[in-house]
C-alpha atoms as a PDB file:
ATOM      1  CA  MET A   1       0.000   0.000   0.000  1.00  0.00           C
ATOM      2  CA  ASP A   2       2.886   2.321   0.569  1.00  0.00           C
ATOM      3  CA  ALA A   3       4.085   2.112  -3.027  1.00  0.00           C
ATOM      4  CA  PRO A   4       0.806   3.275  -4.652  1.00  0.00           C
ATOM      5  CA  SER A   5       0.447   6.159  -2.206  1.00  0.00           C
ATOM      6  CA  SER A   6       3.999   7.327  -2.897  1.00  0.00           C
ATOM      7  CA  THR A   7       3.338   6.959  -6.634  1.00  0.00           C
ATOM      8  CA  SER A   8       0.172   9.016  -6.371  1.00  0.00           C
ATOM      9  CA  THR A   9       2.014  11.725  -4.449  1.00  0.00           C
ATOM     10  CA  SER A  10       4.757  11.795  -7.053  1.00  0.00           C
ATOM     11  CA  ASP A  11       2.087  12.028  -9.765  1.00  0.00           C
ATOM     12  CA  ALA A  12       0.470  14.900  -7.897  1.00  0.00           C
ATOM     13  CA  SER A  13       3.795  16.670  -7.548  1.00  0.00           C
ATOM     14  CA  ALA A  14       4.503  16.074 -11.235  1.00  0.00           C
ATOM     15  CA  GLY A  15       1.094  17.547 -12.045  1.00  0.00           C
ATOM     16  CA  ASP A  16       1.888  20.535  -9.826  1.00  0.00           C
ATOM     17  CA  ALA A  17       5.232  21.039 -11.554  1.00  0.00           C
ATOM     18  CA  ALA A  18       3.668  21.519 -14.980  1.00  0.00           C
ATOM     19  CA  PRO A  19       1.431  24.436 -13.927  1.00  0.00           C
ATOM     20  CA  GLY A  20       4.405  25.834 -11.994  1.00  0.00           C
ATOM     21  CA  GLN A  21       6.367  26.119 -15.207  1.00  0.00           C
ATOM     22  CA  LEU A  22       3.784  28.263 -16.945  1.00  0.00           C
ATOM     23  CA  PRO A  23       4.161  31.319 -14.687  1.00  0.00           C
ATOM     24  CA  GLU A  24       7.922  31.110 -15.106  1.00  0.00           C
ATOM     25  CA  ASP A  25       7.524  31.233 -18.871  1.00  0.00           C
ATOM     26  CA  THR A  26       5.192  34.204 -18.703  1.00  0.00           C
ATOM     27  CA  GLY A  27       7.291  35.649 -15.865  1.00  0.00           C
ATOM     28  CA  GLY A  28      10.123  36.302 -18.313  1.00  0.00           C
ATOM     29  CA  LYS A  29       7.915  38.675 -20.247  1.00  0.00           C
ATOM     30  CA  ASN A  30       6.758  40.319 -17.034  1.00  0.00           C
ATOM     31  CA  ARG A  31      10.326  40.808 -15.839  1.00  0.00           C
ATOM     32  CA  LYS A  32      11.203  42.543 -19.068  1.00  0.00           C
ATOM     33  CA  ARG A  33       8.142  44.771 -18.798  1.00  0.00           C
ATOM     34  CA  ALA A  34       9.023  45.491 -15.166  1.00  0.00           C
ATOM     35  CA  ALA A  35      12.570  46.449 -16.076  1.00  0.00           C
ATOM     36  CA  LEU A  36      11.359  48.720 -18.877  1.00  0.00           C
ATOM     37  CA  ALA A  37       8.861  50.416 -16.572  1.00  0.00           C
ATOM     38  CA  THR A  38      11.292  50.842 -13.672  1.00  0.00           C
ATOM     39  CA  ALA A  39      14.404  51.899 -15.596  1.00  0.00           C
ATOM     40  CA  PRO A  40      13.410  55.542 -16.320  1.00  0.00           C
ATOM     41  CA  PHE A  41      12.568  56.234 -12.676  1.00  0.00           C
ATOM     42  CA  LEU A  42      15.735  54.566 -11.466  1.00  0.00           C
ATOM     43  CA  ALA A  43      17.743  56.582 -13.998  1.00  0.00           C
ATOM     44  CA  LEU A  44      16.134  59.835 -12.826  1.00  0.00           C
ATOM     45  CA  GLY A  45      16.863  58.981  -9.204  1.00  0.00           C
ATOM     46  CA  LEU A  46      20.489  58.124  -9.904  1.00  0.00           C
ATOM     47  CA  ALA A  47      20.869  61.287 -12.011  1.00  0.00           C
ATOM     48  CA  ASP A  48      19.542  63.247  -9.049  1.00  0.00           C
ATOM     49  CA  VAL A  49      22.194  61.697  -6.802  1.00  0.00           C
ATOM     50  CA  VAL A  50      24.892  62.533  -9.347  1.00  0.00           C
ATOM     51  CA  LEU A  51      23.693  66.139  -9.623  1.00  0.00           C
ATOM     52  CA  ILE A  52      23.723  66.520  -5.853  1.00  0.00           C
ATOM     53  CA  LEU A  53      27.277  65.197  -5.718  1.00  0.00           C
ATOM     54  CA  LEU A  54      28.414  67.395  -8.617  1.00  0.00           C
ATOM     55  CA  GLN A  55      26.979  70.551  -7.045  1.00  0.00           C
ATOM     56  CA  GLY A  56      29.487  70.236  -4.261  1.00  0.00           C
ATOM     57  CA  LEU A  57      27.134  69.248  -1.485  1.00  0.00           C
ATOM     58  CA  GLU A  58      28.425  66.821   1.048  1.00  0.00           C
ATOM     59  CA  PRO A  59      28.382  63.235  -0.271  1.00  0.00           C
ATOM     60  CA  LEU A  60      26.292  62.218   2.719  1.00  0.00           C
ATOM     61  CA  TRP A  61      23.271  64.020   1.210  1.00  0.00           C
ATOM     62  CA  GLY A  62      23.608  62.117  -2.037  1.00  0.00           C
ATOM     63  CA  PHE A  63      23.834  58.806  -0.290  1.00  0.00           C
ATOM     64  CA  ALA A  64      21.014  59.726   2.099  1.00  0.00           C
ATOM     65  CA  ILE A  65      18.510  59.833  -0.773  1.00  0.00           C
ATOM     66  CA  LEU A  66      19.897  56.751  -2.510  1.00  0.00           C
ATOM     67  CA  PRO A  67      18.196  54.088  -0.301  1.00  0.00           C
ATOM     68  CA  PRO A  68      14.649  55.450  -0.840  1.00  0.00           C
ATOM     69  CA  ILE A  69      15.271  55.630  -4.580  1.00  0.00           C
ATOM     70  CA  LEU A  70      16.463  52.034  -4.685  1.00  0.00           C
ATOM     71  CA  PHE A  71      13.660  50.855  -2.372  1.00  0.00           C
ATOM     72  CA  CYS A  72      10.936  52.435  -4.521  1.00  0.00           C
ATOM     73  CA  SER A  73      12.531  51.067  -7.680  1.00  0.00           C
ATOM     74  CA  VAL A  74      12.581  47.543  -6.249  1.00  0.00           C
ATOM     75  CA  LEU A  75       8.942  47.872  -5.166  1.00  0.00           C
ATOM     76  CA  THR A  76       7.854  48.986  -8.630  1.00  0.00           C
ATOM     77  CA  TRP A  77       9.819  46.149 -10.215  1.00  0.00           C
ATOM     78  CA  ILE A  78       8.110  43.629  -7.917  1.00  0.00           C
ATOM     79  CA  VAL A  79       4.656  45.028  -8.697  1.00  0.00           C
ATOM     80  CA  PHE A  80       5.165  44.969 -12.453  1.00  0.00           C
ATOM     81  CA  SER A  81       6.944  41.594 -12.572  1.00  0.00           C
ATOM     82  CA  THR A  82       4.343  39.727 -10.514  1.00  0.00           C
ATOM     83  CA  ASP A  83       1.257  41.330 -12.094  1.00  0.00           C
ATOM     84  CA  PHE A  84       0.183  42.391  -8.632  1.00  0.00           C
ATOM     85  CA  LEU A  85      -2.357  44.880  -9.955  1.00  0.00           C
ATOM     86  CA  ASP A  86      -3.966  42.673 -12.646  1.00  0.00           C
ATOM     87  CA  ASP A  87      -6.264  40.979 -10.146  1.00  0.00           C
ATOM     88  CA  ARG A  88      -7.537  44.317  -8.874  1.00  0.00           C
ATOM     89  CA  THR A  89      -8.662  45.908 -12.135  1.00  0.00           C
END
């Protein structure tokens, strides 16, 4: 009896693996879309840090605004790559 139950669990896990592969395939497209949507905002934030440093302000001010810029960029990438908002529209 143990062999059929282990076979059925392996069949169930094999059946779960096939649907698991589909989001990964579509996830590649979503990651690209996420990168394209996040890149301009990340570039603007990094340009802002560079301008602050080039204006002669203390480097601490440039690096003080860098973590929020990176944090918001990562959040937007996560939202776009996982289609977080598709279920809510």
